[in-house]
């Protein structure tokens, strides 16, 4: 789908262009969403540029993602999508910035783009030029990543409190460590993809600020500088959260080992308690004619008493030593 955005007094106006519709010359933003080959060729012929293919967008080298050609800046960024699901995904979005047009080529419709389009339709002053539209799109993406980082930080605090909860341990409440591990895995995946997106956006912002071929107002340049600082700070915070995920994961595995050792300890103690009565029962169960007390009326009760004493004795000894 090919959409054209035209700057108007009330904000950006969106026009979905059909196959037979001409591209408005006054449009400042052309958005290619899952474009067909014919739509790509229309934009290429209209602007005399080369729109990267989907395979070219996946190239990881900076020279293939960030370059200048024929007075236009070609920038491909990694953006994380489906952040509200259990399986977030990373995808590539290409921004082509020229002096009069901004072209975006994407194969997903992430929430930041939808939010920015709704915002731009009501705020004309913040998106009245192609560089301003680019700054607004990146701001929307960065804000979305910031929301995810805040959510992960809150969830990690809750997971840490659950793992290191002393009151639950004292009450003997069994904790569901499998659920904790699942949460840590999801948070680790989110942080990993958020860091990847932030690194990509940081490289893009550095490339834009270093370019001198695209005229930009001082306000737009200030927005790019602010975004670069925000991205750097968020990247550091995401690294900290990644370290915290590893720490809580190690602590959770340690708690699982402790719980398993406690279970094995119970079985070992029970075995020790039952071993002497088992030996006494085995002795009096042997098929010999002459066993002391076996023929006496009190023999059975005496054997039971000895077996009970042999079980209670080790229990009291262990309890006194503090081993239980």
C-alpha atoms as a PDB file:
ATOM      1  CA  UNK A   1       0.000   0.000   0.000  1.00  0.00           C
ATOM      2  CA  UNK A   2       1.278   3.436  -0.950  1.00  0.00           C
ATOM      3  CA  UNK A   3       0.194   6.441   1.103  1.00  0.00           C
ATOM      4  CA  UNK A   4       1.056  10.097   0.595  1.00  0.00           C
ATOM      5  CA  UNK A   5       1.024  12.656   3.406  1.00  0.00           C
ATOM      6  CA  UNK A   6       0.513  16.303   2.543  1.00  0.00           C
ATOM      7  CA  UNK A   7       1.150  19.129   4.996  1.00  0.00           C
ATOM      8  CA  UNK A   8      -1.994  21.176   5.612  1.00  0.00           C
ATOM      9  CA  UNK A   9      -2.921  23.854   8.191  1.00  0.00           C
ATOM     10  CA  UNK A  10      -4.613  21.321  10.482  1.00  0.00           C
ATOM     11  CA  UNK A  11      -1.822  18.755  10.148  1.00  0.00           C
ATOM     12  CA  UNK A  12      -0.730  15.986   7.829  1.00  0.00           C
ATOM     13  CA  UNK A  13      -3.442  14.723   5.491  1.00  0.00           C
ATOM     14  CA  UNK A  14      -3.204  11.111   4.392  1.00  0.00           C
ATOM     15  CA  UNK A  15      -4.071   9.946   0.869  1.00  0.00           C
ATOM     16  CA  UNK A  16      -4.035   6.277  -0.073  1.00  0.00           C
ATOM     17  CA  UNK A  17      -2.905   6.110  -3.674  1.00  0.00           C
ATOM     18  CA  UNK A  18      -4.396   3.533  -5.949  1.00  0.00           C
ATOM     19  CA  UNK A  19      -2.642   2.112  -8.967  1.00  0.00           C
ATOM     20  CA  UNK A  20      -4.005   4.801 -11.296  1.00  0.00           C
ATOM     21  CA  UNK A  21      -3.602   7.758  -8.913  1.00  0.00           C
ATOM     22  CA  UNK A  22      -0.788  10.238  -9.377  1.00  0.00           C
ATOM     23  CA  UNK A  23       1.584  10.972  -6.522  1.00  0.00           C
ATOM     24  CA  UNK A  24       0.977  14.523  -5.202  1.00  0.00           C
ATOM     25  CA  UNK A  25       3.977  16.734  -5.802  1.00  0.00           C
ATOM     26  CA  UNK A  26       3.325  18.616  -2.561  1.00  0.00           C
ATOM     27  CA  UNK A  27       3.528  15.433  -0.464  1.00  0.00           C
ATOM     28  CA  UNK A  28       6.337  15.485   2.107  1.00  0.00           C
ATOM     29  CA  UNK A  29       6.067  11.845   3.175  1.00  0.00           C
ATOM     30  CA  UNK A  30       5.509   8.748   1.050  1.00  0.00           C
ATOM     31  CA  UNK A  31       4.816   5.618   3.073  1.00  0.00           C
ATOM     32  CA  UNK A  32       5.265   2.177   1.498  1.00  0.00           C
ATOM     33  CA  UNK A  33       3.548  -0.496   3.616  1.00  0.00           C
ATOM     34  CA  UNK A  34       4.113  -4.008   2.253  1.00  0.00           C
ATOM     35  CA  UNK A  35       4.600  -2.485  -1.185  1.00  0.00           C
ATOM     36  CA  UNK A  36       4.093  -4.303  -4.437  1.00  0.00           C
ATOM     37  CA  UNK A  37       6.805  -4.138  -7.128  1.00  0.00           C
ATOM     38  CA  UNK A  38       4.669  -1.694  -9.116  1.00  0.00           C
ATOM     39  CA  UNK A  39       4.333   0.658  -6.127  1.00  0.00           C
ATOM     40  CA  UNK A  40       8.081   0.599  -5.578  1.00  0.00           C
ATOM     41  CA  UNK A  41       8.675   1.445  -9.236  1.00  0.00           C
ATOM     42  CA  UNK A  42       6.191   4.336  -9.035  1.00  0.00           C
ATOM     43  CA  UNK A  43       8.099   5.887  -6.136  1.00  0.00           C
ATOM     44  CA  UNK A  44      11.466   5.222  -7.786  1.00  0.00           C
ATOM     45  CA  UNK A  45      10.420   6.865 -11.034  1.00  0.00           C
ATOM     46  CA  UNK A  46       8.735   9.781  -9.258  1.00  0.00           C
ATOM     47  CA  UNK A  47      11.761  10.643  -7.085  1.00  0.00           C
ATOM     48  CA  UNK A  48      14.530   9.145  -9.234  1.00  0.00           C
ATOM     49  CA  UNK A  49      15.764   7.007  -6.363  1.00  0.00           C
ATOM     50  CA  UNK A  50      16.364   3.327  -5.731  1.00  0.00           C
ATOM     51  CA  UNK A  51      14.143   1.842  -3.008  1.00  0.00           C
ATOM     52  CA  UNK A  52      15.975  -1.023  -1.215  1.00  0.00           C
ATOM     53  CA  UNK A  53      14.455  -4.471  -1.462  1.00  0.00           C
ATOM     54  CA  UNK A  54      13.471  -6.506   1.573  1.00  0.00           C
ATOM     55  CA  UNK A  55      16.654  -8.598   1.389  1.00  0.00           C
ATOM     56  CA  UNK A  56      18.788  -5.455   1.149  1.00  0.00           C
ATOM     57  CA  UNK A  57      17.053  -4.038   4.222  1.00  0.00           C
ATOM     58  CA  UNK A  58      18.192  -7.042   6.261  1.00  0.00           C
ATOM     59  CA  UNK A  59      21.890  -6.360   5.661  1.00  0.00           C
ATOM     60  CA  UNK A  60      23.653  -5.755   8.970  1.00  0.00           C
ATOM     61  CA  UNK A  61      26.694  -3.873   7.673  1.00  0.00           C
ATOM     62  CA  UNK A  62      26.564  -0.152   8.360  1.00  0.00           C
ATOM     63  CA  UNK A  63      27.639   0.608   4.789  1.00  0.00           C
ATOM     64  CA  UNK A  64      24.530  -1.175   3.494  1.00  0.00           C
ATOM     65  CA  UNK A  65      22.176   0.357   6.045  1.00  0.00           C
ATOM     66  CA  UNK A  66      23.416   3.935   6.225  1.00  0.00           C
ATOM     67  CA  UNK A  67      24.634   5.656   3.083  1.00  0.00           C
ATOM     68  CA  UNK A  68      24.126   8.728   0.923  1.00  0.00           C
ATOM     69  CA  UNK A  69      23.323   8.559  -2.760  1.00  0.00           C
ATOM     70  CA  UNK A  70      22.279  11.291  -5.222  1.00  0.00           C
ATOM     71  CA  UNK A  71      21.666  13.792  -2.427  1.00  0.00           C
ATOM     72  CA  UNK A  72      19.394  11.459  -0.437  1.00  0.00           C
ATOM     73  CA  UNK A  73      20.072   9.687   2.849  1.00  0.00           C
ATOM     74  CA  UNK A  74      19.301   5.972   2.969  1.00  0.00           C
ATOM     75  CA  UNK A  75      18.829   4.715   6.529  1.00  0.00           C
ATOM     76  CA  UNK A  76      17.611   1.298   7.647  1.00  0.00           C
ATOM     77  CA  UNK A  77      16.778   0.794  11.319  1.00  0.00           C
ATOM     78  CA  UNK A  78      15.814  -2.293  13.294  1.00  0.00           C
ATOM     79  CA  UNK A  79      12.499  -1.812  15.078  1.00  0.00           C
ATOM     80  CA  UNK A  80      11.026  -4.270  17.553  1.00  0.00           C
ATOM     81  CA  UNK A  81       7.334  -5.081  17.069  1.00  0.00           C
ATOM     82  CA  UNK A  82       4.651  -7.158  18.827  1.00  0.00           C
ATOM     83  CA  UNK A  83       5.902  -5.976  22.184  1.00  0.00           C
ATOM     84  CA  UNK A  84       2.635  -6.840  23.900  1.00  0.00           C
ATOM     85  CA  UNK A  85       2.821 -10.477  22.827  1.00  0.00           C
ATOM     86  CA  UNK A  86       4.897 -13.375  24.139  1.00  0.00           C
ATOM     87  CA  UNK A  87       6.980 -13.438  20.937  1.00  0.00           C
ATOM     88  CA  UNK A  88       8.337  -9.977  20.059  1.00  0.00           C
ATOM     89  CA  UNK A  89       9.907  -9.643  16.638  1.00  0.00           C
ATOM     90  CA  UNK A  90      12.600  -7.446  15.125  1.00  0.00           C
ATOM     91  CA  UNK A  91      12.025  -6.009  11.681  1.00  0.00           C
ATOM     92  CA  UNK A  92      13.726  -3.508   9.426  1.00  0.00           C
ATOM     93  CA  UNK A  93      12.321  -0.168   8.273  1.00  0.00           C
ATOM     94  CA  UNK A  94      14.050   1.974   5.664  1.00  0.00           C
ATOM     95  CA  UNK A  95      13.939   5.775   5.728  1.00  0.00           C
ATOM     96  CA  UNK A  96      14.935   7.659   2.587  1.00  0.00           C
ATOM     97  CA  UNK A  97      15.356  11.370   3.315  1.00  0.00           C
ATOM     98  CA  UNK A  98      15.788  13.948   0.568  1.00  0.00           C
ATOM     99  CA  UNK A  99      15.485  17.703   0.618  1.00  0.00           C
ATOM    100  CA  UNK A 100      11.769  17.636  -0.265  1.00  0.00           C
ATOM    101  CA  UNK A 101      10.513  14.126   0.541  1.00  0.00           C
ATOM    102  CA  UNK A 102      10.683  11.397   3.151  1.00  0.00           C
ATOM    103  CA  UNK A 103      10.070   7.826   1.989  1.00  0.00           C
ATOM    104  CA  UNK A 104       9.498   4.975   4.411  1.00  0.00           C
ATOM    105  CA  UNK A 105       9.606   1.375   3.254  1.00  0.00           C
ATOM    106  CA  UNK A 106       8.263  -1.162   5.730  1.00  0.00           C
ATOM    107  CA  UNK A 107       6.631  -4.573   5.837  1.00  0.00           C
ATOM    108  CA  UNK A 108       4.994  -4.223   9.251  1.00  0.00           C
ATOM    109  CA  UNK A 109       2.624  -1.704  10.788  1.00  0.00           C
ATOM    110  CA  UNK A 110       4.013  -1.123  14.298  1.00  0.00           C
ATOM    111  CA  UNK A 111       2.163   0.829  16.946  1.00  0.00           C
ATOM    112  CA  UNK A 112       4.606   3.811  16.939  1.00  0.00           C
ATOM    113  CA  UNK A 113       3.798   4.539  13.286  1.00  0.00           C
ATOM    114  CA  UNK A 114       0.063   4.444  13.913  1.00  0.00           C
ATOM    115  CA  UNK A 115       0.446   6.710  16.928  1.00  0.00           C
ATOM    116  CA  UNK A 116       2.563   9.211  15.033  1.00  0.00           C
ATOM    117  CA  UNK A 117       0.134   9.338  12.109  1.00  0.00           C
ATOM    118  CA  UNK A 118      -2.723  10.066  14.508  1.00  0.00           C
ATOM    119  CA  UNK A 119      -0.612  12.732  16.225  1.00  0.00           C
ATOM    120  CA  UNK A 120       0.581  14.349  12.984  1.00  0.00           C
ATOM    121  CA  UNK A 121      -2.975  14.775  11.735  1.00  0.00           C
ATOM    122  CA  UNK A 122      -3.618  17.231  14.613  1.00  0.00           C
ATOM    123  CA  UNK A 123      -0.230  18.960  15.130  1.00  0.00           C
ATOM    124  CA  UNK A 124       1.015  20.718  11.984  1.00  0.00           C
ATOM    125  CA  UNK A 125       3.929  22.572  13.582  1.00  0.00           C
ATOM    126  CA  UNK A 126       5.822  19.421  14.607  1.00  0.00           C
ATOM    127  CA  UNK A 127       5.734  17.735  11.173  1.00  0.00           C
ATOM    128  CA  UNK A 128       5.872  20.412   8.496  1.00  0.00           C
ATOM    129  CA  UNK A 129       9.017  19.138   6.731  1.00  0.00           C
ATOM    130  CA  UNK A 130      10.538  15.756   5.823  1.00  0.00           C
ATOM    131  CA  UNK A 131      13.262  15.974   8.546  1.00  0.00           C
ATOM    132  CA  UNK A 132      10.605  16.915  11.097  1.00  0.00           C
ATOM    133  CA  UNK A 133       8.500  13.897  10.085  1.00  0.00           C
ATOM    134  CA  UNK A 134      11.568  11.656  10.428  1.00  0.00           C
ATOM    135  CA  UNK A 135      12.278  13.088  13.890  1.00  0.00           C
ATOM    136  CA  UNK A 136       8.660  12.502  14.895  1.00  0.00           C
ATOM    137  CA  UNK A 137       8.717   8.891  13.716  1.00  0.00           C
ATOM    138  CA  UNK A 138      11.940   8.150  15.596  1.00  0.00           C
ATOM    139  CA  UNK A 139      10.568   9.860  18.710  1.00  0.00           C
ATOM    140  CA  UNK A 140       7.507   7.643  18.555  1.00  0.00           C
ATOM    141  CA  UNK A 141       9.633   4.505  18.207  1.00  0.00           C
ATOM    142  CA  UNK A 142      11.934   5.572  21.062  1.00  0.00           C
ATOM    143  CA  UNK A 143       8.961   6.333  23.314  1.00  0.00           C
ATOM    144  CA  UNK A 144       7.557   2.882  22.607  1.00  0.00           C
ATOM    145  CA  UNK A 145      10.865   1.249  23.508  1.00  0.00           C
ATOM    146  CA  UNK A 146      10.983   3.370  26.673  1.00  0.00           C
ATOM    147  CA  UNK A 147       7.544   2.057  27.675  1.00  0.00           C
ATOM    148  CA  UNK A 148       8.767  -1.497  27.199  1.00  0.00           C
ATOM    149  CA  UNK A 149      11.902  -0.881  29.268  1.00  0.00           C
ATOM    150  CA  UNK A 150       9.820   0.602  32.094  1.00  0.00           C
ATOM    151  CA  UNK A 151       7.478  -2.383  31.994  1.00  0.00           C
ATOM    152  CA  UNK A 152      10.388  -4.825  32.109  1.00  0.00           C
ATOM    153  CA  UNK A 153      11.982  -2.937  35.007  1.00  0.00           C
ATOM    154  CA  UNK A 154       8.737  -3.141  36.994  1.00  0.00           C
ATOM    155  CA  UNK A 155       8.336  -6.841  36.233  1.00  0.00           C
ATOM    156  CA  UNK A 156      11.933  -7.551  37.238  1.00  0.00           C
ATOM    157  CA  UNK A 157      11.385  -5.820  40.578  1.00  0.00           C
ATOM    158  CA  UNK A 158       8.363  -8.056  41.180  1.00  0.00           C
ATOM    159  CA  UNK A 159      10.325 -11.163  40.155  1.00  0.00           C
ATOM    160  CA  UNK A 160      13.212 -10.189  42.436  1.00  0.00           C
ATOM    161  CA  UNK A 161      10.842  -9.737  45.371  1.00  0.00           C
ATOM    162  CA  UNK A 162       9.313 -13.139  44.677  1.00  0.00           C
ATOM    163  CA  UNK A 163      12.649 -14.927  44.447  1.00  0.00           C
ATOM    164  CA  UNK A 164      14.189 -13.307  47.527  1.00  0.00           C
ATOM    165  CA  UNK A 165      11.020 -13.219  49.648  1.00  0.00           C
ATOM    166  CA  UNK A 166      12.020 -14.193  53.199  1.00  0.00           C
ATOM    167  CA  UNK A 167       8.495 -14.252  54.612  1.00  0.00           C
ATOM    168  CA  UNK A 168       7.356 -16.885  52.128  1.00  0.00           C
ATOM    169  CA  UNK A 169      10.398 -18.999  52.916  1.00  0.00           C
ATOM    170  CA  UNK A 170       9.680 -18.815  56.651  1.00  0.00           C
ATOM    171  CA  UNK A 171       6.050 -19.805  56.142  1.00  0.00           C
ATOM    172  CA  UNK A 172       7.121 -22.739  54.010  1.00  0.00           C
ATOM    173  CA  UNK A 173       5.146 -21.551  50.983  1.00  0.00           C
ATOM    174  CA  UNK A 174       6.219 -23.324  47.814  1.00  0.00           C
ATOM    175  CA  UNK A 175       7.124 -20.879  45.072  1.00  0.00           C
ATOM    176  CA  UNK A 176       6.434 -21.502  41.410  1.00  0.00           C
ATOM    177  CA  UNK A 177       9.943 -21.063  40.036  1.00  0.00           C
ATOM    178  CA  UNK A 178       8.896 -22.333  36.621  1.00  0.00           C
ATOM    179  CA  UNK A 179       6.655 -19.306  36.210  1.00  0.00           C
ATOM    180  CA  UNK A 180       9.485 -17.054  37.369  1.00  0.00           C
ATOM    181  CA  UNK A 181      11.825 -18.579  34.795  1.00  0.00           C
ATOM    182  CA  UNK A 182       9.244 -18.023  32.050  1.00  0.00           C
ATOM    183  CA  UNK A 183       8.881 -14.376  33.048  1.00  0.00           C
ATOM    184  CA  UNK A 184      12.653 -13.902  33.123  1.00  0.00           C
ATOM    185  CA  UNK A 185      12.953 -15.482  29.681  1.00  0.00           C
ATOM    186  CA  UNK A 186      10.319 -13.174  28.218  1.00  0.00           C
ATOM    187  CA  UNK A 187      11.866 -10.107  29.842  1.00  0.00           C
ATOM    188  CA  UNK A 188      15.320 -11.114  28.652  1.00  0.00           C
ATOM    189  CA  UNK A 189      14.038 -11.478  25.096  1.00  0.00           C
ATOM    190  CA  UNK A 190      12.336  -8.076  25.254  1.00  0.00           C
ATOM    191  CA  UNK A 191      15.449  -6.361  26.604  1.00  0.00           C
ATOM    192  CA  UNK A 192      17.646  -8.044  24.015  1.00  0.00           C
ATOM    193  CA  UNK A 193      15.484  -6.859  21.135  1.00  0.00           C
ATOM    194  CA  UNK A 194      15.072  -3.395  22.678  1.00  0.00           C
ATOM    195  CA  UNK A 195      18.857  -3.030  22.912  1.00  0.00           C
ATOM    196  CA  UNK A 196      19.221  -4.128  19.302  1.00  0.00           C
ATOM    197  CA  UNK A 197      16.682  -1.513  18.232  1.00  0.00           C
ATOM    198  CA  UNK A 198      18.328   1.217  20.323  1.00  0.00           C
ATOM    199  CA  UNK A 199      21.764   0.492  18.884  1.00  0.00           C
ATOM    200  CA  UNK A 200      20.341   0.678  15.375  1.00  0.00           C
ATOM    201  CA  UNK A 201      18.530   3.942  16.098  1.00  0.00           C
ATOM    202  CA  UNK A 202      21.653   5.401  17.695  1.00  0.00           C
ATOM    203  CA  UNK A 203      23.650   4.723  14.546  1.00  0.00           C
ATOM    204  CA  UNK A 204      20.885   6.256  12.432  1.00  0.00           C
ATOM    205  CA  UNK A 205      20.750   9.429  14.534  1.00  0.00           C
ATOM    206  CA  UNK A 206      24.521   9.835  14.398  1.00  0.00           C
ATOM    207  CA  UNK A 207      24.430   9.459  10.614  1.00  0.00           C
ATOM    208  CA  UNK A 208      21.657  12.051  10.232  1.00  0.00           C
ATOM    209  CA  UNK A 209      23.427  14.615  12.395  1.00  0.00           C
ATOM    210  CA  UNK A 210      26.692  14.216  10.511  1.00  0.00           C
ATOM    211  CA  UNK A 211      25.062  14.753   7.120  1.00  0.00           C
ATOM    212  CA  UNK A 212      25.194  18.225   5.590  1.00  0.00           C
ATOM    213  CA  UNK A 213      23.350  17.549   2.332  1.00  0.00           C
ATOM    214  CA  UNK A 214      19.845  17.798   3.807  1.00  0.00           C
ATOM    215  CA  UNK A 215      18.766  21.253   5.024  1.00  0.00           C
ATOM    216  CA  UNK A 216      17.327  21.158   8.546  1.00  0.00           C
ATOM    217  CA  UNK A 217      16.094  23.818  10.904  1.00  0.00           C
ATOM    218  CA  UNK A 218      17.779  24.381  14.240  1.00  0.00           C
ATOM    219  CA  UNK A 219      14.693  23.038  15.987  1.00  0.00           C
ATOM    220  CA  UNK A 220      14.860  19.732  14.091  1.00  0.00           C
ATOM    221  CA  UNK A 221      18.603  19.406  14.742  1.00  0.00           C
ATOM    222  CA  UNK A 222      17.952  20.004  18.438  1.00  0.00           C
ATOM    223  CA  UNK A 223      15.313  17.246  18.377  1.00  0.00           C
ATOM    224  CA  UNK A 224      17.816  14.848  16.807  1.00  0.00           C
ATOM    225  CA  UNK A 225      20.430  15.710  19.449  1.00  0.00           C
ATOM    226  CA  UNK A 226      17.916  15.145  22.236  1.00  0.00           C
ATOM    227  CA  UNK A 227      16.890  11.826  20.694  1.00  0.00           C
ATOM    228  CA  UNK A 228      20.524  10.732  20.457  1.00  0.00           C
ATOM    229  CA  UNK A 229      21.057  11.448  24.170  1.00  0.00           C
ATOM    230  CA  UNK A 230      17.826   9.654  25.091  1.00  0.00           C
ATOM    231  CA  UNK A 231      18.789   6.625  23.035  1.00  0.00           C
ATOM    232  CA  UNK A 232      22.215   6.457  24.666  1.00  0.00           C
ATOM    233  CA  UNK A 233      20.732   6.720  28.169  1.00  0.00           C
ATOM    234  CA  UNK A 234      18.081   4.099  27.407  1.00  0.00           C
ATOM    235  CA  UNK A 235      20.694   1.791  25.909  1.00  0.00           C
ATOM    236  CA  UNK A 236      22.721   1.995  29.146  1.00  0.00           C
ATOM    237  CA  UNK A 237      19.600   1.319  31.201  1.00  0.00           C
ATOM    238  CA  UNK A 238      18.696  -1.634  28.968  1.00  0.00           C
ATOM    239  CA  UNK A 239      22.201  -3.034  29.521  1.00  0.00           C
ATOM    240  CA  UNK A 240      21.692  -2.693  33.269  1.00  0.00           C
ATOM    241  CA  UNK A 241      18.361  -4.522  33.038  1.00  0.00           C
ATOM    242  CA  UNK A 242      20.015  -7.262  30.985  1.00  0.00           C
ATOM    243  CA  UNK A 243      22.554  -7.725  33.771  1.00  0.00           C
ATOM    244  CA  UNK A 244      19.737  -7.763  36.309  1.00  0.00           C
ATOM    245  CA  UNK A 245      17.924 -10.461  34.340  1.00  0.00           C
ATOM    246  CA  UNK A 246      21.070 -12.614  34.460  1.00  0.00           C
ATOM    247  CA  UNK A 247      21.457 -12.010  38.206  1.00  0.00           C
ATOM    248  CA  UNK A 248      17.855 -12.929  39.022  1.00  0.00           C
ATOM    249  CA  UNK A 249      18.098 -15.945  36.722  1.00  0.00           C
ATOM    250  CA  UNK A 250      21.176 -17.209  38.581  1.00  0.00           C
ATOM    251  CA  UNK A 251      19.460 -16.545  41.910  1.00  0.00           C
ATOM    252  CA  UNK A 252      16.361 -18.429  40.781  1.00  0.00           C
ATOM    253  CA  UNK A 253      18.411 -21.433  39.732  1.00  0.00           C
ATOM    254  CA  UNK A 254      20.184 -21.274  43.089  1.00  0.00           C
ATOM    255  CA  UNK A 255      16.853 -21.235  44.907  1.00  0.00           C
ATOM    256  CA  UNK A 256      15.714 -24.234  42.876  1.00  0.00           C
ATOM    257  CA  UNK A 257      18.851 -26.114  43.946  1.00  0.00           C
ATOM    258  CA  UNK A 258      18.187 -25.191  47.576  1.00  0.00           C
ATOM    259  CA  UNK A 259      14.597 -26.435  47.337  1.00  0.00           C
ATOM    260  CA  UNK A 260      15.788 -29.688  45.788  1.00  0.00           C
ATOM    261  CA  UNK A 261      18.429 -30.119  48.480  1.00  0.00           C
ATOM    262  CA  UNK A 262      15.799 -29.549  51.174  1.00  0.00           C
ATOM    263  CA  UNK A 263      13.624 -32.268  49.647  1.00  0.00           C
ATOM    264  CA  UNK A 264      16.560 -34.669  49.501  1.00  0.00           C
ATOM    265  CA  UNK A 265      17.398 -33.739  53.091  1.00  0.00           C
ATOM    266  CA  UNK A 266      13.901 -34.725  54.219  1.00  0.00           C
ATOM    267  CA  UNK A 267      14.197 -38.106  52.514  1.00  0.00           C
ATOM    268  CA  UNK A 268      17.629 -38.655  54.071  1.00  0.00           C
ATOM    269  CA  UNK A 269      16.400 -37.789  57.562  1.00  0.00           C
ATOM    270  CA  UNK A 270      13.360 -40.040  57.226  1.00  0.00           C
ATOM    271  CA  UNK A 271      15.640 -42.856  56.089  1.00  0.00           C
ATOM    272  CA  UNK A 272      17.850 -42.363  59.160  1.00  0.00           C
ATOM    273  CA  UNK A 273      14.806 -42.403  61.468  1.00  0.00           C
ATOM    274  CA  UNK A 274      13.406 -45.587  59.948  1.00  0.00           C
ATOM    275  CA  UNK A 275      16.676 -47.481  59.681  1.00  0.00           C
ATOM    276  CA  UNK A 276      16.994 -48.630  63.363  1.00  0.00           C
ATOM    277  CA  UNK A 277      13.347 -49.819  63.591  1.00  0.00           C
ATOM    278  CA  UNK A 278      13.851 -51.685  60.315  1.00  0.00           C
ATOM    279  CA  UNK A 279      16.950 -53.432  61.706  1.00  0.00           C
ATOM    280  CA  UNK A 280      15.123 -54.413  64.913  1.00  0.00           C
ATOM    281  CA  UNK A 281      12.116 -55.649  62.925  1.00  0.00           C
ATOM    282  CA  UNK A 282      14.433 -57.677  60.670  1.00  0.00           C
ATOM    283  CA  UNK A 283      16.170 -59.282  63.654  1.00  0.00           C
ATOM    284  CA  UNK A 284      12.882 -60.352  65.265  1.00  0.00           C
ATOM    285  CA  UNK A 285      11.607 -61.559  61.941  1.00  0.00           C
ATOM    286  CA  UNK A 286      14.359 -64.152  61.512  1.00  0.00           C
ATOM    287  CA  UNK A 287      13.338 -67.829  61.506  1.00  0.00           C
ATOM    288  CA  UNK A 288      15.294 -68.988  64.596  1.00  0.00           C
ATOM    289  CA  UNK A 289      13.858 -71.001  67.426  1.00  0.00           C
ATOM    290  CA  UNK A 290      15.681 -69.146  70.173  1.00  0.00           C
ATOM    291  CA  UNK A 291      15.262 -65.348  69.961  1.00  0.00           C
ATOM    292  CA  UNK A 292      15.328 -63.492  73.300  1.00  0.00           C
ATOM    293  CA  UNK A 293      11.820 -62.463  74.261  1.00  0.00           C
ATOM    294  CA  UNK A 294      10.200 -63.866  71.124  1.00  0.00           C
ATOM    295  CA  UNK A 295       8.223 -66.456  73.065  1.00  0.00           C
ATOM    296  CA  UNK A 296       7.277 -64.175  75.941  1.00  0.00           C
ATOM    297  CA  UNK A 297       3.846 -62.494  76.147  1.00  0.00           C
ATOM    298  CA  UNK A 298       5.480 -59.100  76.403  1.00  0.00           C
ATOM    299  CA  UNK A 299       7.906 -59.707  73.519  1.00  0.00           C
ATOM    300  CA  UNK A 300       5.826 -58.076  70.785  1.00  0.00           C
ATOM    301  CA  UNK A 301       5.209 -54.902  72.796  1.00  0.00           C
ATOM    302  CA  UNK A 302       8.803 -54.747  73.883  1.00  0.00           C
ATOM    303  CA  UNK A 303       9.958 -54.920  70.261  1.00  0.00           C
ATOM    304  CA  UNK A 304       7.546 -52.134  69.287  1.00  0.00           C
ATOM    305  CA  UNK A 305       8.782 -50.008  72.165  1.00  0.00           C
ATOM    306  CA  UNK A 306      12.421 -50.501  71.195  1.00  0.00           C
ATOM    307  CA  UNK A 307      11.674 -49.652  67.577  1.00  0.00           C
ATOM    308  CA  UNK A 308       9.788 -46.477  68.603  1.00  0.00           C
ATOM    309  CA  UNK A 309      12.626 -45.449  70.921  1.00  0.00           C
ATOM    310  CA  UNK A 310      15.209 -46.050  68.183  1.00  0.00           C
ATOM    311  CA  UNK A 311      13.263 -43.733  65.873  1.00  0.00           C
ATOM    312  CA  UNK A 312      12.496 -41.004  68.421  1.00  0.00           C
ATOM    313  CA  UNK A 313      16.050 -40.963  69.772  1.00  0.00           C
ATOM    314  CA  UNK A 314      17.748 -39.825  66.519  1.00  0.00           C
ATOM    315  CA  UNK A 315      14.946 -37.287  65.956  1.00  0.00           C
ATOM    316  CA  UNK A 316      15.542 -35.659  69.344  1.00  0.00           C
ATOM    317  CA  UNK A 317      19.306 -35.713  68.786  1.00  0.00           C
ATOM    318  CA  UNK A 318      19.016 -34.049  65.372  1.00  0.00           C
ATOM    319  CA  UNK A 319      16.589 -31.495  66.766  1.00  0.00           C
ATOM    320  CA  UNK A 320      18.971 -30.622  69.612  1.00  0.00           C
ATOM    321  CA  UNK A 321      21.863 -30.170  67.179  1.00  0.00           C
ATOM    322  CA  UNK A 322      19.760 -27.869  65.003  1.00  0.00           C
ATOM    323  CA  UNK A 323      20.005 -30.082  61.937  1.00  0.00           C
ATOM    324  CA  UNK A 324      16.234 -30.067  61.400  1.00  0.00           C
END
